[in-house]
Amino acid sequence: MSERNDPNSNLPVAKSKSGRGRYSQLVSAIASLNTQMVARVATAANQALVLRNWIVGAYVVEFE
């Protein structure tokens, strides 16, 4: 899969580092991943709700 089409291409990756920086980098990567996934879920939910509302509106127009 090309990087342009890969939905995971922008996800943070915890790079291996020795010392204390590894833990803080891991925590930062997890927090960033969570933020990005929450945004994706919100976008998907909004799209589904808009589609639902359009379909309900079409049903109402047909019923009239």
Protein backbone atom coordinates (compact mmCIF):
# COMPACT_ATOMS: atom_id res chain seq x y z
CA MET A 1 0.00 0.00 0.00
CA SER A 2 1.41 3.40 -0.84
CA GLU A 3 2.10 5.84 1.96
CA ARG A 4 -0.38 8.35 0.51
CA ASN A 5 -3.26 5.86 0.80
CA ASP A 6 -2.14 4.31 4.07
CA PRO A 7 -4.40 5.60 6.88
CA ASN A 8 -1.68 4.75 9.40
CA SER A 9 1.09 6.70 7.69
CA ASN A 10 0.62 9.75 9.95
CA LEU A 11 0.48 7.81 13.20
CA PRO A 12 3.29 8.42 15.67
CA VAL A 13 5.83 5.68 16.18
CA ALA A 14 7.68 5.30 19.46
CA LYS A 15 11.31 5.10 18.45
CA SER A 16 13.70 3.03 20.47
CA LYS A 17 15.96 5.13 22.68
CA SER A 18 17.96 4.19 25.72
CA GLY A 19 17.38 5.88 29.06
CA ARG A 20 14.43 7.74 30.54
CA GLY A 21 13.35 9.25 27.23
CA ARG A 22 11.84 5.94 26.10
CA TYR A 23 9.00 6.03 28.62
CA SER A 24 8.05 9.66 28.00
CA GLN A 25 8.25 9.05 24.25
CA LEU A 26 5.97 6.01 24.61
CA VAL A 27 3.46 8.01 26.64
CA SER A 28 3.58 10.83 24.11
CA ALA A 29 3.05 8.43 21.19
CA ILE A 30 0.06 6.80 22.92
CA ALA A 31 -1.49 10.18 23.74
CA SER A 32 -1.02 11.37 20.17
CA LEU A 33 -2.50 8.14 18.79
CA ASN A 34 -5.51 8.51 21.10
CA THR A 35 -6.09 12.11 20.00
CA GLN A 36 -5.92 11.15 16.32
CA MET A 37 -8.25 8.17 16.74
CA VAL A 38 -10.81 10.22 18.68
CA ALA A 39 -10.83 12.72 15.81
CA ARG A 40 -11.30 9.92 13.27
CA VAL A 41 -14.18 8.44 15.26
CA ALA A 42 -15.85 11.84 15.49
CA THR A 43 -15.52 12.33 11.73
CA ALA A 44 -16.95 8.88 10.98
CA ALA A 45 -19.84 9.41 13.40
CA ASN A 46 -20.64 12.81 11.89
CA GLN A 47 -20.65 11.36 8.38
CA ALA A 48 -22.97 8.53 9.44
CA LEU A 49 -25.37 10.93 11.16
CA VAL A 50 -25.50 13.25 8.15
CA LEU A 51 -26.25 10.29 5.89
CA ARG A 52 -28.94 9.06 8.28
CA ASN A 53 -30.56 12.49 8.35
CA TRP A 54 -30.59 12.72 4.55
CA ILE A 55 -32.21 9.29 4.28
CA VAL A 56 -34.83 10.15 6.90
CA GLY A 57 -35.54 13.37 5.01
CA ALA A 58 -36.01 11.40 1.78
CA TYR A 59 -38.45 9.07 3.55
CA VAL A 60 -40.44 12.04 4.83
CA VAL A 61 -40.58 13.66 1.37
CA GLU A 62 -41.75 10.37 -0.15
CA PHE A 63 -44.40 9.96 2.55
CA GLU A 64 -45.88 13.42 1.91
